[in-house]
Amino acid sequence: MKYFRAITVVPSAARTTNGDSTTSPVLDMDLTNELILTLNVSAVSGTSPSLTVTLVYYDENTDQWFPIASYAAKATVGQETLRLSGIFGKKLAAEWTISGDSSSFTFSVSGYAAER
């Protein structure tokens, strides 16, 4: 029987610069074998705005963050859900890049982790 727990990888907030959530990652992911995570973009402003978000996991052996999957680039309000299966490290986070002139995005990444 699988156990699903709600997780927030990136809380909703307005952002104007590149960043990541690696300083406050989702912990205890070592039993997770499935992720269902939604990128929710609720506000966009600026000239030619673009947002890219990549999910990353932490590898304790190399002391580095590695990409798991990326959402398609966003320029408008909307949602995209990724469903991922596999083995994930103990920590999960996201990295994002914002481009365009005076661009601002309000977004979050949240969903569920299925544990075996």
N, C-alpha and C. Protein backbone atom coordinates (compact mmCIF):
# COMPACT_ATOMS: atom_id res chain seq x y z
N MET A 1 0.83 -1.17 0.00
CA MET A 1 0.00 0.00 0.00
C MET A 1 0.89 1.25 0.00
N LYS A 2 0.55 2.19 -0.87
CA LYS A 2 1.31 3.43 -0.94
C LYS A 2 0.74 4.46 0.01
N TYR A 3 1.64 5.28 0.53
CA TYR A 3 1.26 6.37 1.41
C TYR A 3 1.59 7.66 0.67
N PHE A 4 0.61 8.54 0.51
CA PHE A 4 0.82 9.82 -0.16
C PHE A 4 0.92 10.92 0.89
N ARG A 5 1.92 11.77 0.75
CA ARG A 5 2.01 12.92 1.64
C ARG A 5 2.12 14.19 0.81
N ALA A 6 1.44 15.23 1.27
CA ALA A 6 1.47 16.51 0.59
C ALA A 6 2.82 17.19 0.84
N ILE A 7 3.42 17.74 -0.22
CA ILE A 7 4.69 18.45 -0.07
C ILE A 7 4.63 19.78 -0.83
N THR A 8 5.37 20.74 -0.32
CA THR A 8 5.55 22.02 -1.00
C THR A 8 7.03 22.19 -1.27
N VAL A 9 7.39 22.25 -2.54
CA VAL A 9 8.79 22.40 -2.92
C VAL A 9 9.16 23.87 -2.99
N VAL A 10 8.24 24.69 -3.51
CA VAL A 10 8.42 26.14 -3.59
C VAL A 10 7.10 26.79 -3.17
N PRO A 11 7.08 27.52 -2.05
CA PRO A 11 5.84 28.18 -1.64
C PRO A 11 5.51 29.34 -2.59
N SER A 12 4.24 29.66 -2.67
CA SER A 12 3.80 30.74 -3.56
C SER A 12 4.34 32.09 -3.11
N ALA A 13 4.94 32.81 -4.05
CA ALA A 13 5.46 34.16 -3.80
C ALA A 13 5.77 34.81 -5.13
N ALA A 14 5.80 36.13 -5.14
CA ALA A 14 6.23 36.86 -6.33
C ALA A 14 7.75 36.86 -6.37
N ARG A 15 8.31 36.57 -7.54
CA ARG A 15 9.76 36.51 -7.71
C ARG A 15 10.18 37.24 -8.96
N THR A 16 11.32 37.96 -8.88
CA THR A 16 11.82 38.72 -10.02
C THR A 16 13.23 38.31 -10.43
N THR A 17 13.84 37.40 -9.68
CA THR A 17 15.22 37.00 -9.96
C THR A 17 15.34 35.48 -9.96
N ASN A 18 16.44 35.00 -10.52
CA ASN A 18 16.73 33.57 -10.49
C ASN A 18 16.88 33.12 -9.04
N GLY A 19 16.60 31.86 -8.78
CA GLY A 19 16.75 31.38 -7.41
C GLY A 19 16.57 29.88 -7.30
N ASP A 20 16.50 29.42 -6.07
CA ASP A 20 16.30 27.99 -5.81
C ASP A 20 15.77 27.81 -4.40
N SER A 21 15.33 26.59 -4.12
CA SER A 21 14.83 26.26 -2.78
C SER A 21 15.76 25.26 -2.10
N THR A 22 17.04 25.23 -2.50
CA THR A 22 17.97 24.26 -1.94
C THR A 22 18.34 24.53 -0.48
N THR A 23 18.12 25.75 -0.01
CA THR A 23 18.40 26.03 1.40
C THR A 23 17.27 25.57 2.31
N SER A 24 16.10 25.27 1.72
CA SER A 24 14.98 24.74 2.50
C SER A 24 14.31 23.62 1.70
N PRO A 25 15.05 22.55 1.42
CA PRO A 25 14.51 21.47 0.58
C PRO A 25 13.46 20.65 1.32
N VAL A 26 12.69 19.89 0.53
CA VAL A 26 11.81 18.89 1.11
C VAL A 26 12.71 17.74 1.55
N LEU A 27 12.58 17.34 2.81
CA LEU A 27 13.45 16.31 3.39
C LEU A 27 12.77 14.94 3.40
N ASP A 28 13.53 13.93 3.76
CA ASP A 28 13.04 12.57 3.95
C ASP A 28 12.39 12.01 2.69
N MET A 29 13.07 12.17 1.56
CA MET A 29 12.56 11.68 0.29
C MET A 29 13.08 10.29 -0.05
N ASP A 30 13.90 9.70 0.84
CA ASP A 30 14.56 8.43 0.51
C ASP A 30 13.59 7.25 0.36
N LEU A 31 12.39 7.33 0.88
CA LEU A 31 11.40 6.27 0.69
C LEU A 31 10.45 6.56 -0.47
N THR A 32 10.58 7.73 -1.08
CA THR A 32 9.68 8.14 -2.15
C THR A 32 10.03 7.44 -3.45
N ASN A 33 9.01 6.92 -4.14
CA ASN A 33 9.24 6.32 -5.45
C ASN A 33 8.33 6.90 -6.53
N GLU A 34 7.53 7.90 -6.15
CA GLU A 34 6.69 8.59 -7.15
C GLU A 34 6.41 10.01 -6.67
N LEU A 35 6.49 10.94 -7.62
CA LEU A 35 6.19 12.35 -7.33
C LEU A 35 5.12 12.84 -8.30
N ILE A 36 4.16 13.58 -7.77
CA ILE A 36 3.16 14.26 -8.59
C ILE A 36 3.22 15.72 -8.17
N LEU A 37 3.85 16.56 -8.99
CA LEU A 37 4.11 17.95 -8.61
C LEU A 37 3.60 18.91 -9.66
N THR A 38 2.91 19.95 -9.20
CA THR A 38 2.32 20.94 -10.10
C THR A 38 3.01 22.28 -9.94
N LEU A 39 3.44 22.84 -11.07
CA LEU A 39 3.91 24.22 -11.13
C LEU A 39 2.68 25.07 -11.39
N ASN A 40 2.37 25.98 -10.47
CA ASN A 40 1.22 26.86 -10.59
C ASN A 40 1.71 28.30 -10.73
N VAL A 41 1.55 28.88 -11.91
CA VAL A 41 1.92 30.27 -12.15
C VAL A 41 0.63 31.08 -12.07
N SER A 42 0.51 31.92 -11.04
CA SER A 42 -0.74 32.64 -10.80
C SER A 42 -0.69 34.11 -11.21
N ALA A 43 0.49 34.66 -11.49
CA ALA A 43 0.60 36.05 -11.96
C ALA A 43 1.90 36.22 -12.73
N VAL A 44 1.83 37.02 -13.81
CA VAL A 44 2.99 37.30 -14.66
C VAL A 44 2.93 38.76 -15.07
N SER A 45 4.09 39.41 -15.04
CA SER A 45 4.16 40.78 -15.57
C SER A 45 5.55 40.99 -16.17
N GLY A 46 5.67 42.08 -16.94
CA GLY A 46 6.95 42.42 -17.57
C GLY A 46 6.87 42.31 -19.08
N THR A 47 7.96 42.63 -19.72
CA THR A 47 8.07 42.56 -21.17
C THR A 47 8.83 41.29 -21.54
N SER A 48 8.22 40.46 -22.38
CA SER A 48 8.78 39.17 -22.80
C SER A 48 9.21 38.31 -21.61
N PRO A 49 8.32 38.11 -20.62
CA PRO A 49 8.70 37.32 -19.45
C PRO A 49 8.85 35.83 -19.78
N SER A 50 9.76 35.17 -19.10
CA SER A 50 9.95 33.73 -19.26
C SER A 50 10.42 33.14 -17.94
N LEU A 51 9.82 32.02 -17.58
CA LEU A 51 10.17 31.30 -16.34
C LEU A 51 10.46 29.85 -16.69
N THR A 52 11.60 29.36 -16.24
CA THR A 52 11.90 27.93 -16.34
C THR A 52 12.15 27.39 -14.93
N VAL A 53 11.59 26.23 -14.64
CA VAL A 53 11.72 25.61 -13.33
C VAL A 53 12.19 24.17 -13.51
N THR A 54 13.23 23.80 -12.75
CA THR A 54 13.79 22.45 -12.79
C THR A 54 13.76 21.85 -11.40
N LEU A 55 13.27 20.62 -11.29
CA LEU A 55 13.31 19.89 -10.03
C LEU A 55 14.68 19.26 -9.88
N VAL A 56 15.24 19.33 -8.68
CA VAL A 56 16.58 18.79 -8.43
C VAL A 56 16.59 17.95 -7.15
N TYR A 57 17.51 16.98 -7.08
CA TYR A 57 17.69 16.19 -5.87
C TYR A 57 19.14 16.30 -5.42
N TYR A 58 19.35 16.07 -4.13
CA TYR A 58 20.69 16.17 -3.54
C TYR A 58 21.32 14.79 -3.43
N ASP A 59 22.53 14.68 -3.93
CA ASP A 59 23.30 13.44 -3.83
C ASP A 59 24.34 13.61 -2.73
N GLU A 60 24.18 12.88 -1.64
CA GLU A 60 25.11 13.00 -0.50
C GLU A 60 26.52 12.52 -0.85
N ASN A 61 26.65 11.59 -1.76
CA ASN A 61 27.97 11.07 -2.12
C ASN A 61 28.84 12.11 -2.81
N THR A 62 28.23 12.95 -3.64
CA THR A 62 28.99 13.97 -4.37
C THR A 62 28.81 15.37 -3.79
N ASP A 63 27.88 15.53 -2.84
CA ASP A 63 27.58 16.82 -2.24
C ASP A 63 27.14 17.83 -3.31
N GLN A 64 26.31 17.36 -4.25
CA GLN A 64 25.83 18.21 -5.34
C GLN A 64 24.35 17.98 -5.58
N TRP A 65 23.72 18.99 -6.21
CA TRP A 65 22.33 18.90 -6.66
C TRP A 65 22.31 18.50 -8.13
N PHE A 66 21.38 17.57 -8.49
CA PHE A 66 21.26 17.09 -9.85
C PHE A 66 19.82 17.22 -10.34
N PRO A 67 19.63 17.55 -11.62
CA PRO A 67 18.27 17.71 -12.15
C PRO A 67 17.54 16.37 -12.27
N ILE A 68 16.24 16.43 -12.00
CA ILE A 68 15.36 15.28 -12.18
C ILE A 68 14.50 15.49 -13.43
N ALA A 69 13.87 16.67 -13.51
CA ALA A 69 12.96 16.99 -14.62
C ALA A 69 12.74 18.49 -14.65
N SER A 70 12.31 18.97 -15.80
CA SER A 70 12.03 20.40 -15.97
C SER A 70 10.62 20.60 -16.51
N TYR A 71 10.00 21.67 -16.10
CA TYR A 71 8.73 22.09 -16.67
C TYR A 71 9.02 22.87 -17.95
N ALA A 72 8.06 22.91 -18.85
CA ALA A 72 8.19 23.74 -20.05
C ALA A 72 8.27 25.21 -19.63
N ALA A 73 8.99 26.02 -20.41
CA ALA A 73 9.10 27.45 -20.11
C ALA A 73 7.71 28.08 -20.08
N LYS A 74 7.52 28.98 -19.13
CA LYS A 74 6.22 29.65 -18.95
C LYS A 74 6.35 31.15 -19.23
N ALA A 75 5.33 31.70 -19.89
CA ALA A 75 5.27 33.13 -20.15
C ALA A 75 3.91 33.70 -19.76
N THR A 76 2.99 32.82 -19.36
CA THR A 76 1.63 33.22 -18.99
C THR A 76 1.19 32.47 -17.74
N VAL A 77 0.07 32.89 -17.19
CA VAL A 77 -0.55 32.21 -16.05
C VAL A 77 -0.97 30.81 -16.49
N GLY A 78 -0.79 29.83 -15.62
CA GLY A 78 -1.22 28.47 -15.94
C GLY A 78 -0.59 27.45 -15.02
N GLN A 79 -0.89 26.19 -15.29
CA GLN A 79 -0.39 25.09 -14.48
C GLN A 79 0.19 24.00 -15.38
N GLU A 80 1.14 23.27 -14.81
CA GLU A 80 1.67 22.07 -15.46
C GLU A 80 2.01 21.07 -14.37
N THR A 81 1.59 19.83 -14.57
CA THR A 81 1.85 18.77 -13.59
C THR A 81 2.81 17.74 -14.18
N LEU A 82 3.81 17.38 -13.39
CA LEU A 82 4.74 16.32 -13.74
C LEU A 82 4.48 15.13 -12.82
N ARG A 83 4.47 13.94 -13.41
CA ARG A 83 4.36 12.70 -12.63
C ARG A 83 5.64 11.93 -12.88
N LEU A 84 6.42 11.72 -11.84
CA LEU A 84 7.74 11.11 -11.96
C LEU A 84 7.83 9.86 -11.11
N SER A 85 8.49 8.84 -11.64
CA SER A 85 8.71 7.61 -10.90
C SER A 85 10.20 7.33 -10.83
N GLY A 86 10.62 6.70 -9.77
CA GLY A 86 12.03 6.35 -9.63
C GLY A 86 12.50 6.48 -8.20
N ILE A 87 13.79 6.54 -8.06
CA ILE A 87 14.41 6.72 -6.76
C ILE A 87 14.94 8.14 -6.70
N PHE A 88 14.60 8.84 -5.66
CA PHE A 88 15.02 10.22 -5.49
C PHE A 88 15.91 10.31 -4.25
N GLY A 89 16.80 11.27 -4.22
CA GLY A 89 17.68 11.43 -3.07
C GLY A 89 16.89 11.77 -1.82
N LYS A 90 17.58 12.02 -0.73
CA LYS A 90 16.91 12.35 0.52
C LYS A 90 16.32 13.75 0.52
N LYS A 91 16.81 14.63 -0.37
CA LYS A 91 16.35 16.02 -0.41
C LYS A 91 15.88 16.37 -1.82
N LEU A 92 14.77 17.12 -1.90
CA LEU A 92 14.20 17.56 -3.16
C LEU A 92 14.05 19.07 -3.12
N ALA A 93 14.37 19.74 -4.22
CA ALA A 93 14.25 21.19 -4.30
C ALA A 93 13.95 21.57 -5.74
N ALA A 94 13.91 22.87 -5.99
CA ALA A 94 13.71 23.38 -7.35
C ALA A 94 14.65 24.55 -7.59
N GLU A 95 15.02 24.74 -8.84
CA GLU A 95 15.80 25.89 -9.27
C GLU A 95 15.00 26.59 -10.36
N TRP A 96 15.05 27.92 -10.40
CA TRP A 96 14.30 28.64 -11.42
C TRP A 96 15.12 29.77 -12.03
N THR A 97 14.77 30.07 -13.29
CA THR A 97 15.38 31.16 -14.03
C THR A 97 14.28 32.06 -14.56
N ILE A 98 14.41 33.35 -14.30
CA ILE A 98 13.45 34.35 -14.77
C ILE A 98 14.17 35.28 -15.73
N SER A 99 13.60 35.45 -16.91
CA SER A 99 14.20 36.37 -17.88
C SER A 99 13.13 37.30 -18.45
N GLY A 100 13.59 38.30 -19.18
CA GLY A 100 12.71 39.31 -19.73
C GLY A 100 12.97 40.64 -19.05
N ASP A 101 12.34 41.67 -19.53
CA ASP A 101 12.54 43.02 -18.99
C ASP A 101 11.54 43.29 -17.87
N SER A 102 12.03 43.53 -16.68
CA SER A 102 11.20 43.80 -15.49
C SER A 102 10.18 42.69 -15.25
N SER A 103 10.60 41.46 -15.47
CA SER A 103 9.69 40.32 -15.35
C SER A 103 9.46 39.93 -13.89
N SER A 104 8.22 39.55 -13.61
CA SER A 104 7.84 39.07 -12.28
C SER A 104 6.88 37.90 -12.46
N PHE A 105 7.11 36.85 -11.68
CA PHE A 105 6.24 35.68 -11.68
C PHE A 105 5.84 35.36 -10.25
N THR A 106 4.57 35.11 -10.04
CA THR A 106 4.10 34.54 -8.79
C THR A 106 3.83 33.07 -9.09
N PHE A 107 4.56 32.19 -8.39
CA PHE A 107 4.40 30.76 -8.68
C PHE A 107 4.71 29.92 -7.46
N SER A 108 4.29 28.67 -7.54
CA SER A 108 4.57 27.67 -6.51
C SER A 108 4.76 26.32 -7.18
N VAL A 109 5.40 25.40 -6.45
CA VAL A 109 5.51 24.01 -6.86
C VAL A 109 5.11 23.16 -5.67
N SER A 110 4.05 22.38 -5.83
CA SER A 110 3.58 21.53 -4.73
C SER A 110 2.86 20.32 -5.30
N GLY A 111 2.59 19.37 -4.43
CA GLY A 111 1.89 18.17 -4.86
C GLY A 111 2.02 17.06 -3.85
N TYR A 112 2.33 15.86 -4.35
CA TYR A 112 2.34 14.68 -3.48
C TYR A 112 3.55 13.81 -3.74
N ALA A 113 4.04 13.19 -2.69
CA ALA A 113 5.10 12.19 -2.77
C ALA A 113 4.50 10.86 -2.34
N ALA A 114 4.64 9.86 -3.18
CA ALA A 114 4.15 8.52 -2.84
C ALA A 114 5.32 7.72 -2.27
N GLU A 115 5.08 7.13 -1.11
CA GLU A 115 6.12 6.36 -0.45
C GLU A 115 5.76 4.89 -0.46
N ARG A 116 6.79 4.09 -0.71
CA ARG A 116 6.58 2.64 -0.80
C ARG A 116 6.44 2.01 0.55
